[in-house]
Protein backbone atom coordinates (compact mmCIF):
# COMPACT_ATOMS: atom_id res chain seq x y z
CA MET A 1 0.35 11.47 9.71
CA ARG A 2 -2.96 13.24 10.31
CA GLY A 3 -1.47 16.35 8.67
CA ILE A 4 -0.37 14.35 5.63
CA LEU A 5 -3.84 12.83 5.28
CA ALA A 6 -5.46 16.24 5.66
CA SER A 7 -3.30 17.57 2.81
CA ILE A 8 -4.75 15.08 0.30
CA GLY A 9 -7.28 17.04 -1.75
CA ASP A 10 -10.84 15.81 -2.26
CA GLU A 11 -10.29 15.09 -5.96
CA GLN A 12 -7.11 13.10 -5.31
CA ARG A 13 -8.81 11.22 -2.47
CA THR A 14 -11.69 10.28 -4.80
CA VAL A 15 -9.37 9.17 -7.63
CA SER A 16 -7.13 7.17 -5.28
CA SER A 17 -10.11 5.58 -3.50
CA SER A 18 -11.57 4.53 -6.86
CA SER A 19 -8.25 2.99 -7.89
CA ILE A 20 -8.01 1.07 -4.61
CA VAL A 21 -11.59 -0.19 -4.90
CA GLU A 22 -10.93 -1.31 -8.49
CA GLN A 23 -7.78 -3.17 -7.43
CA ILE A 24 -9.55 -4.97 -4.60
CA GLY A 25 -12.56 -5.77 -6.79
CA SER A 26 -10.38 -7.40 -9.44
CA SER A 27 -8.12 -9.27 -6.99
CA MET A 28 -8.04 -12.97 -6.13
CA LEU A 29 -8.62 -12.02 -2.49
CA PHE A 30 -11.99 -10.55 -3.44
CA ALA A 31 -12.79 -13.31 -5.95
CA GLN A 32 -12.30 -15.95 -3.25
CA CYS A 33 -14.22 -14.20 -0.48
CA THR A 34 -17.88 -14.90 0.19
CA HIS A 35 -18.15 -12.45 3.10
CA LEU A 36 -16.84 -8.88 3.27
CA PHE A 37 -16.37 -6.99 6.52
CA ALA A 38 -16.05 -3.38 5.39
CA TYR A 39 -16.23 0.05 6.99
CA MET A 40 -17.71 3.45 6.29
CA ALA A 41 -14.86 5.88 5.71
CA LEU A 42 -14.20 9.02 7.63
CA LYS A 43 -13.31 12.02 5.46
CA GLN A 44 -9.58 11.26 5.44
CA GLU A 45 -9.88 7.49 4.86
CA VAL A 46 -10.13 5.45 1.69
CA ASP A 47 -13.78 5.36 0.60
CA VAL A 48 -14.70 1.70 0.01
CA SER A 49 -18.45 2.20 -0.55
CA GLY A 50 -18.03 1.27 -4.23
CA LEU A 51 -16.61 -2.09 -3.17
CA ILE A 52 -19.57 -2.63 -0.83
CA ASP A 53 -21.88 -2.00 -3.81
CA LEU A 54 -19.90 -4.46 -5.96
CA ALA A 55 -19.94 -7.11 -3.23
CA LEU A 56 -23.69 -6.80 -2.76
CA ARG A 57 -24.33 -6.92 -6.53
CA SER A 58 -22.25 -10.08 -6.78
CA GLY A 59 -24.16 -11.85 -4.00
CA ARG A 60 -21.63 -11.58 -1.18
CA GLN A 61 -22.70 -10.96 2.39
CA VAL A 62 -21.40 -7.61 3.63
CA ALA A 63 -21.09 -6.45 7.24
CA LEU A 64 -20.38 -3.01 8.69
CA PRO A 65 -19.14 -2.16 12.20
CA ARG A 66 -20.80 -0.38 15.08
CA CYS A 67 -18.58 1.10 17.81
CA ARG A 68 -19.46 0.00 21.34
CA THR A 69 -18.84 1.94 24.52
CA ASP A 70 -16.27 -0.67 25.66
CA TYR A 71 -14.13 0.18 22.57
CA SER A 72 -15.04 -2.99 20.74
CA LEU A 73 -16.71 -3.43 17.35
CA ASP A 74 -19.92 -5.27 16.56
CA TYR A 75 -20.43 -6.02 12.88
CA HIS A 76 -23.92 -6.22 11.37
CA TRP A 77 -24.97 -7.77 8.04
CA ILE A 78 -26.41 -5.39 5.47
CA VAL A 79 -29.91 -6.65 4.74
CA GLN A 80 -31.05 -4.01 2.26
CA ASP A 81 -30.37 -4.39 -1.45
CA GLU A 82 -27.41 -2.67 -3.07
CA LYS A 83 -29.44 0.33 -4.19
CA ASP A 84 -30.58 1.66 -0.84
CA TRP A 85 -28.39 0.22 1.93
CA LYS A 86 -26.85 3.65 2.66
CA LEU A 87 -30.28 4.95 3.68
CA PHE A 88 -30.19 2.62 6.68
CA LEU A 89 -27.05 4.02 8.28
CA GLU A 90 -27.04 6.27 11.32
CA GLU A 91 -24.43 8.51 12.85
CA GLY A 92 -22.46 6.85 15.61
CA PRO A 93 -19.49 7.93 17.73
CA TYR A 94 -16.79 9.98 16.00
CA ARG A 95 -19.32 10.96 13.28
CA LEU A 96 -19.02 7.48 11.80
CA LYS A 97 -21.84 6.15 9.67
CA GLU A 98 -22.93 2.87 11.25
CA PRO A 99 -25.51 0.22 10.39
CA ILE A 100 -28.77 0.35 12.25
CA SER A 101 -28.72 -1.97 15.24
CA LEU A 102 -31.74 -3.89 13.88
CA TRP A 103 -29.56 -5.52 11.22
CA PRO A 104 -28.45 -9.00 12.35
CA LYS A 105 -25.10 -9.30 14.08
CA ALA A 106 -22.40 -10.76 11.88
CA SER A 107 -19.73 -13.29 12.73
CA ILE A 108 -16.63 -14.22 10.81
CA GLN A 109 -17.24 -17.06 8.37
CA ASP A 110 -14.88 -19.03 6.16
CA ASN A 111 -13.61 -16.93 3.24
CA THR A 112 -14.11 -13.59 4.98
CA LEU A 113 -12.18 -10.56 3.74
CA ILE A 114 -11.83 -7.87 6.41
CA LEU A 115 -11.02 -4.32 5.27
CA VAL A 116 -8.97 -2.51 7.90
CA PRO A 117 -8.44 1.27 7.96
CA ALA A 118 -5.61 2.89 9.94
CA LEU A 119 -3.54 6.04 10.18
CA ALA A 120 -0.43 4.21 8.94
CA PHE A 121 0.94 0.78 8.00
CA THR A 122 4.38 -0.73 7.58
CA ARG A 123 5.20 -3.11 4.73
CA SER A 124 5.33 -5.95 7.27
CA GLY A 125 1.70 -5.39 8.27
CA GLU A 126 1.97 -3.39 11.47
CA ARG A 127 -0.69 -0.71 11.79
CA LEU A 128 -1.21 2.47 13.71
CA GLY A 129 -4.86 2.94 14.59
CA LYS A 130 -6.48 5.97 16.08
CA GLY A 131 -5.69 5.12 19.68
CA LYS A 132 -8.80 3.44 21.09
CA GLY A 133 -7.94 -0.16 20.09
CA TYR A 134 -11.25 -0.98 18.37
CA TYR A 135 -9.63 -2.87 15.49
CA ASP A 136 -6.89 -4.43 17.62
CA ARG A 137 -9.56 -6.02 19.81
CA PHE A 138 -11.59 -7.20 16.84
CA LEU A 139 -8.65 -8.47 14.77
CA SER A 140 -7.22 -10.41 17.72
CA GLU A 141 -10.32 -12.63 17.50
CA CYS A 142 -9.81 -13.40 13.81
CA THR A 143 -8.52 -16.78 12.79
CA GLU A 144 -6.98 -18.21 9.66
CA ARG A 145 -10.50 -18.31 8.18
CA CYS A 146 -10.20 -14.65 7.22
CA ILE A 147 -7.85 -12.30 5.41
CA LYS A 148 -7.09 -8.97 7.08
CA LEU A 149 -6.53 -6.38 4.33
CA GLY A 150 -5.19 -2.96 5.26
CA VAL A 151 -6.65 -0.21 3.09
CA ALA A 152 -4.60 2.98 2.76
CA PHE A 153 -3.24 5.69 0.55
CA GLU A 154 0.40 5.23 -0.47
CA THR A 155 1.40 8.15 1.77
CA GLN A 156 0.26 6.08 4.78
CA ILE A 157 2.97 3.44 4.25
CA VAL A 158 5.85 4.18 6.60
CA PRO A 159 9.16 2.43 7.38
CA ALA A 160 8.45 1.73 11.07
CA LEU A 161 5.80 2.15 13.76
CA PRO A 162 5.77 1.71 17.52
CA VAL A 163 4.57 -1.84 18.19
CA HIS A 164 2.77 -3.07 21.30
CA PRO A 165 1.99 -6.66 22.38
CA HIS A 166 -1.75 -6.22 21.70
CA ASP A 167 -1.24 -4.93 18.14
CA THR A 168 -2.51 -7.22 15.39
CA LYS A 169 -0.89 -7.22 11.96
CA VAL A 170 -2.73 -7.29 8.66
CA ASP A 171 -2.01 -9.97 6.05
CA ALA A 172 -1.79 -7.56 3.12
CA ILE A 173 -2.22 -3.87 2.34
CA VAL A 174 -3.66 -2.23 -0.76
CA THR A 175 -2.93 1.34 -1.88
CA GLU A 176 -3.48 3.16 -5.14
CA GLU A 177 -0.05 1.80 -6.19
CA GLY A 178 -0.95 -1.86 -5.65
CA PHE A 179 -0.89 -4.70 -3.14
CA ILE A 180 1.74 -5.26 -0.46
CA TYR A 181 1.77 -8.82 0.89
CA CYS A 182 3.03 -8.85 4.46
CA VAL A 183 5.23 -11.48 6.06
């Protein structure tokens, strides 16, 4: 899967990311959310920074994760305005852009939409992360008050994945081809 993701050219990645962001931004899932838990993409992931901008412009609270040494995630609310929030990110583990630790810690609220990256997804919502369990730990704490939305390129949708008891499914997946609602 890493090889497939590496083969997606920069232009195609940008076009597909823009399509995915547009689909999320015009969806009922986004219209109904008041809080967005997003992420800062690594080079081979879907870039959702345009959706973060849209959410901030529309008055939603947006949180970004910080990786902790115990392989858990702490989310922090963006407190800057939509024009300069990216200036307040710092490099964390794995070369991830993370919010500064001075931003207030975030907790899941009613009507929270959580964007979930992964290496691969199945149509039933199983996901293959990158092996450290950060998102599995975080998602296991989520309740029915939130929607877990997998964000991926169409090439990341596979027929089957190895499943473990601690794995947490997503509720839906969005790719450049559209939404997949998981059962």
